[in-house]
Amino acid sequence: MTQCAIPVFEGLLPGEHNEILLDLLFELATWHALGKLRLHTETTLHFLDNSTTRLGRALRRFKDVTCDAFVTQELPKEVAARGRRKPAYSKKGKSKAPPKKTASDGPRTRLFNMSTYKLHALGDYVKSIWLFGTTDNFSTQVVSSFDNLCYYYDSM
């Protein structure tokens, strides 16, 4: 079964922005396919390294051109959730007055954030695969089992 989001997004944005979005989706799909391989060779790791470079360029182009051309805001459910949390915050401060309406009660502007660890770590995947093998070879399960074992012996 093949899954591809590109046809769903095609024509969603006008002109140049549509091309940038489709290029980004293609680079994301290519990088993901290469990153999930269960067997790598020098050639596939070279392809993954090049794909990472292209993905970085596509992300920067998307942020610099497309994101700057559109004003994006929180969804209504995000605004409602923030509104529901506001009384809880005022209770912690022991304030008996009802929360005041402010200009920040409406939807807030949202920007595309490229300063996340996930994006920063993309450049380390090839080296990690060289050092530790493919991503299907390790998990956090061993660590959590070891912690449980240590807890068991400490409680004896």
C-alpha atoms as a PDB file:
ATOM      1  CA  MET A   1       0.000   0.000   0.000  1.00  0.00           C
ATOM      2  CA  THR A   2       1.483   3.306  -1.073  1.00  0.00           C
ATOM      3  CA  GLN A   3       0.716   6.529   0.755  1.00  0.00           C
ATOM      4  CA  CYS A   4       1.578   9.951  -0.553  1.00  0.00           C
ATOM      5  CA  ALA A   5       0.351  13.334   0.646  1.00  0.00           C
ATOM      6  CA  ILE A   6       1.628  15.279  -2.355  1.00  0.00           C
ATOM      7  CA  PRO A   7      -1.574  14.961  -4.483  1.00  0.00           C
ATOM      8  CA  VAL A   8      -3.642  16.191  -1.527  1.00  0.00           C
ATOM      9  CA  PHE A   9      -1.579  19.386  -1.243  1.00  0.00           C
ATOM     10  CA  GLU A  10      -1.256  20.037  -4.980  1.00  0.00           C
ATOM     11  CA  GLY A  11      -2.960  23.310  -5.881  1.00  0.00           C
ATOM     12  CA  LEU A  12      -3.594  24.222  -2.241  1.00  0.00           C
ATOM     13  CA  LEU A  13      -1.440  27.360  -2.381  1.00  0.00           C
ATOM     14  CA  PRO A  14      -1.117  29.855  -5.223  1.00  0.00           C
ATOM     15  CA  GLY A  15       1.734  29.859  -7.786  1.00  0.00           C
ATOM     16  CA  GLU A  16       5.279  29.810  -6.469  1.00  0.00           C
ATOM     17  CA  HIS A  17       4.154  28.811  -2.978  1.00  0.00           C
ATOM     18  CA  ASN A  18       2.534  25.653  -4.352  1.00  0.00           C
ATOM     19  CA  GLU A  19       5.817  24.677  -6.043  1.00  0.00           C
ATOM     20  CA  ILE A  20       7.784  25.313  -2.837  1.00  0.00           C
ATOM     21  CA  LEU A  21       5.333  23.250  -0.774  1.00  0.00           C
ATOM     22  CA  LEU A  22       5.368  20.324  -3.215  1.00  0.00           C
ATOM     23  CA  ASP A  23       9.184  20.379  -3.357  1.00  0.00           C
ATOM     24  CA  LEU A  24       9.307  20.332   0.451  1.00  0.00           C
ATOM     25  CA  LEU A  25       6.869  17.409   0.648  1.00  0.00           C
ATOM     26  CA  PHE A  26       8.922  15.477  -1.918  1.00  0.00           C
ATOM     27  CA  GLU A  27      12.162  16.085  -0.011  1.00  0.00           C
ATOM     28  CA  LEU A  28      10.496  15.060   3.271  1.00  0.00           C
ATOM     29  CA  ALA A  29       9.179  11.833   1.707  1.00  0.00           C
ATOM     30  CA  THR A  30      12.565  11.048   0.146  1.00  0.00           C
ATOM     31  CA  TRP A  31      14.450  11.693   3.387  1.00  0.00           C
ATOM     32  CA  HIS A  32      11.957   9.623   5.378  1.00  0.00           C
ATOM     33  CA  ALA A  33      12.185   6.675   2.966  1.00  0.00           C
ATOM     34  CA  LEU A  34      15.992   6.706   3.084  1.00  0.00           C
ATOM     35  CA  GLY A  35      16.073   7.157   6.853  1.00  0.00           C
ATOM     36  CA  LYS A  36      13.780   4.169   7.454  1.00  0.00           C
ATOM     37  CA  LEU A  37      15.815   1.708   5.385  1.00  0.00           C
ATOM     38  CA  ARG A  38      16.677  -1.417   7.372  1.00  0.00           C
ATOM     39  CA  LEU A  39      19.900  -2.014   5.479  1.00  0.00           C
ATOM     40  CA  HIS A  40      22.309   0.717   4.453  1.00  0.00           C
ATOM     41  CA  THR A  41      25.326   0.771   2.202  1.00  0.00           C
ATOM     42  CA  GLU A  42      27.832   3.534   1.593  1.00  0.00           C
ATOM     43  CA  THR A  43      25.709   4.548  -1.403  1.00  0.00           C
ATOM     44  CA  THR A  44      22.429   4.789   0.522  1.00  0.00           C
ATOM     45  CA  LEU A  45      24.137   6.749   3.302  1.00  0.00           C
ATOM     46  CA  HIS A  46      25.561   9.108   0.695  1.00  0.00           C
ATOM     47  CA  PHE A  47      22.027   9.508  -0.736  1.00  0.00           C
ATOM     48  CA  LEU A  48      20.677  10.183   2.783  1.00  0.00           C
ATOM     49  CA  ASP A  49      23.391  12.779   3.388  1.00  0.00           C
ATOM     50  CA  ASN A  50      22.561  14.554   0.107  1.00  0.00           C
ATOM     51  CA  SER A  51      18.847  14.289   0.856  1.00  0.00           C
ATOM     52  CA  THR A  52      19.426  15.941   4.242  1.00  0.00           C
ATOM     53  CA  THR A  53      21.163  18.856   2.534  1.00  0.00           C
ATOM     54  CA  ARG A  54      18.323  19.248   0.015  1.00  0.00           C
ATOM     55  CA  LEU A  55      15.735  18.984   2.808  1.00  0.00           C
ATOM     56  CA  GLY A  56      17.459  21.762   4.757  1.00  0.00           C
ATOM     57  CA  ARG A  57      17.425  24.016   1.696  1.00  0.00           C
ATOM     58  CA  ALA A  58      13.741  23.216   1.034  1.00  0.00           C
ATOM     59  CA  LEU A  59      12.820  23.979   4.653  1.00  0.00           C
ATOM     60  CA  ARG A  60      14.668  27.310   4.596  1.00  0.00           C
ATOM     61  CA  ARG A  61      13.049  28.262   1.277  1.00  0.00           C
ATOM     62  CA  PHE A  62       9.617  27.323   2.655  1.00  0.00           C
ATOM     63  CA  LYS A  63      10.198  29.457   5.753  1.00  0.00           C
ATOM     64  CA  ASP A  64      11.719  32.438   3.935  1.00  0.00           C
ATOM     65  CA  VAL A  65       9.274  32.635   1.027  1.00  0.00           C
ATOM     66  CA  THR A  66       6.026  30.819   1.792  1.00  0.00           C
ATOM     67  CA  CYS A  67       5.709  31.274   5.564  1.00  0.00           C
ATOM     68  CA  ASP A  68       6.438  34.990   5.307  1.00  0.00           C
ATOM     69  CA  ALA A  69       3.691  35.389   2.702  1.00  0.00           C
ATOM     70  CA  PHE A  70       0.890  34.064   4.934  1.00  0.00           C
ATOM     71  CA  VAL A  71      -0.456  35.135   8.310  1.00  0.00           C
ATOM     72  CA  THR A  72      -1.232  32.047  10.380  1.00  0.00           C
ATOM     73  CA  GLN A  73      -3.161  31.952  13.634  1.00  0.00           C
ATOM     74  CA  GLU A  74      -4.183  29.484  16.302  1.00  0.00           C
ATOM     75  CA  LEU A  75      -7.137  27.231  15.616  1.00  0.00           C
ATOM     76  CA  PRO A  76     -10.391  28.002  17.470  1.00  0.00           C
ATOM     77  CA  LYS A  77      -9.925  24.873  19.628  1.00  0.00           C
ATOM     78  CA  GLU A  78      -6.455  26.137  20.687  1.00  0.00           C
ATOM     79  CA  VAL A  79      -7.931  29.506  21.676  1.00  0.00           C
ATOM     80  CA  ALA A  80     -10.692  27.725  23.629  1.00  0.00           C
ATOM     81  CA  ALA A  81      -8.161  25.489  25.415  1.00  0.00           C
ATOM     82  CA  ARG A  82      -6.111  28.532  26.431  1.00  0.00           C
ATOM     83  CA  GLY A  83      -9.315  30.154  27.708  1.00  0.00           C
ATOM     84  CA  ARG A  84     -10.106  27.077  29.814  1.00  0.00           C
ATOM     85  CA  ARG A  85      -6.592  27.075  31.303  1.00  0.00           C
ATOM     86  CA  LYS A  86      -6.714  30.758  32.257  1.00  0.00           C
ATOM     87  CA  PRO A  87      -9.037  30.315  35.311  1.00  0.00           C
ATOM     88  CA  ALA A  88      -6.802  27.516  36.604  1.00  0.00           C
ATOM     89  CA  TYR A  89      -3.826  29.855  36.536  1.00  0.00           C
ATOM     90  CA  SER A  90      -5.734  32.559  38.410  1.00  0.00           C
ATOM     91  CA  LYS A  91      -6.754  30.030  41.123  1.00  0.00           C
ATOM     92  CA  LYS A  92      -3.117  29.292  41.819  1.00  0.00           C
ATOM     93  CA  GLY A  93      -2.603  32.983  42.505  1.00  0.00           C
ATOM     94  CA  LYS A  94      -5.589  32.933  44.932  1.00  0.00           C
ATOM     95  CA  SER A  95      -7.306  35.702  42.976  1.00  0.00           C
ATOM     96  CA  LYS A  96     -11.077  35.794  43.625  1.00  0.00           C
ATOM     97  CA  ALA A  97     -11.770  38.263  40.855  1.00  0.00           C
ATOM     98  CA  PRO A  98     -13.052  36.822  37.560  1.00  0.00           C
ATOM     99  CA  PRO A  99     -10.417  36.701  34.818  1.00  0.00           C
ATOM    100  CA  LYS A 100     -10.289  39.904  32.820  1.00  0.00           C
ATOM    101  CA  LYS A 101     -10.714  39.910  29.070  1.00  0.00           C
ATOM    102  CA  THR A 102      -7.582  41.094  27.315  1.00  0.00           C
ATOM    103  CA  ALA A 103      -6.524  41.571  23.736  1.00  0.00           C
ATOM    104  CA  SER A 104      -4.578  38.322  24.027  1.00  0.00           C
ATOM    105  CA  ASP A 105      -7.815  36.333  24.454  1.00  0.00           C
ATOM    106  CA  GLY A 106      -8.216  36.054  20.686  1.00  0.00           C
ATOM    107  CA  PRO A 107      -6.240  33.861  18.320  1.00  0.00           C
ATOM    108  CA  ARG A 108      -2.472  34.349  18.512  1.00  0.00           C
ATOM    109  CA  THR A 109      -0.210  34.498  15.488  1.00  0.00           C
ATOM    110  CA  ARG A 110       1.740  31.277  14.857  1.00  0.00           C
ATOM    111  CA  LEU A 111       5.070  31.175  13.044  1.00  0.00           C
ATOM    112  CA  PHE A 112       6.985  28.227  11.579  1.00  0.00           C
ATOM    113  CA  ASN A 113       9.778  27.437  14.030  1.00  0.00           C
ATOM    114  CA  MET A 114      12.991  26.107  12.511  1.00  0.00           C
ATOM    115  CA  SER A 115      14.803  26.229  15.864  1.00  0.00           C
ATOM    116  CA  THR A 116      13.700  22.836  17.132  1.00  0.00           C
ATOM    117  CA  TYR A 117      15.820  19.895  18.163  1.00  0.00           C
ATOM    118  CA  LYS A 118      14.149  17.626  15.607  1.00  0.00           C
ATOM    119  CA  LEU A 119      15.323  19.792  12.734  1.00  0.00           C
ATOM    120  CA  HIS A 120      18.721  20.390  14.325  1.00  0.00           C
ATOM    121  CA  ALA A 121      19.299  16.628  14.742  1.00  0.00           C
ATOM    122  CA  LEU A 122      18.606  15.764  11.082  1.00  0.00           C
ATOM    123  CA  GLY A 123      22.239  16.392  10.206  1.00  0.00           C
ATOM    124  CA  ASP A 124      23.361  13.744  12.725  1.00  0.00           C
ATOM    125  CA  TYR A 125      21.399  10.820  11.269  1.00  0.00           C
ATOM    126  CA  VAL A 126      24.032   9.646   8.787  1.00  0.00           C
ATOM    127  CA  LYS A 127      26.806   9.657  11.395  1.00  0.00           C
ATOM    128  CA  SER A 128      24.519   7.892  13.889  1.00  0.00           C
ATOM    129  CA  ILE A 129      23.741   5.163  11.366  1.00  0.00           C
ATOM    130  CA  TRP A 130      27.470   4.724  10.690  1.00  0.00           C
ATOM    131  CA  LEU A 131      28.133   4.405  14.434  1.00  0.00           C
ATOM    132  CA  PHE A 132      25.091   2.494  15.731  1.00  0.00           C
ATOM    133  CA  GLY A 133      23.372   0.944  12.713  1.00  0.00           C
ATOM    134  CA  THR A 134      19.908   1.527  11.343  1.00  0.00           C
ATOM    135  CA  THR A 135      17.198   3.083  13.500  1.00  0.00           C
ATOM    136  CA  ASP A 136      15.316  -0.219  13.859  1.00  0.00           C
ATOM    137  CA  ASN A 137      18.262  -1.720  15.813  1.00  0.00           C
ATOM    138  CA  PHE A 138      17.751   0.190  19.054  1.00  0.00           C
ATOM    139  CA  SER A 139      15.019   1.453  21.327  1.00  0.00           C
ATOM    140  CA  THR A 140      14.509   2.848  24.826  1.00  0.00           C
ATOM    141  CA  GLN A 141      12.974  -0.419  26.042  1.00  0.00           C
ATOM    142  CA  VAL A 142      16.295  -1.787  27.311  1.00  0.00           C
ATOM    143  CA  VAL A 143      16.913   1.359  29.355  1.00  0.00           C
ATOM    144  CA  SER A 144      13.480   1.282  30.992  1.00  0.00           C
ATOM    145  CA  SER A 145      13.883  -2.453  31.791  1.00  0.00           C
ATOM    146  CA  PHE A 146      17.294  -1.731  33.334  1.00  0.00           C
ATOM    147  CA  ASP A 147      15.776   1.033  35.479  1.00  0.00           C
ATOM    148  CA  ASN A 148      13.099  -1.385  36.705  1.00  0.00           C
ATOM    149  CA  LEU A 149      15.758  -3.978  37.511  1.00  0.00           C
ATOM    150  CA  CYS A 150      17.796  -1.415  39.490  1.00  0.00           C
ATOM    151  CA  TYR A 151      14.671  -0.366  41.379  1.00  0.00           C
ATOM    152  CA  TYR A 152      13.935  -4.010  42.215  1.00  0.00           C
ATOM    153  CA  TYR A 153      17.404  -4.625  43.675  1.00  0.00           C
ATOM    154  CA  ASP A 154      17.461  -1.319  45.558  1.00  0.00           C
ATOM    155  CA  SER A 155      14.179  -2.169  47.280  1.00  0.00           C
ATOM    156  CA  MET A 156      15.468  -5.520  48.606  1.00  0.00           C
END
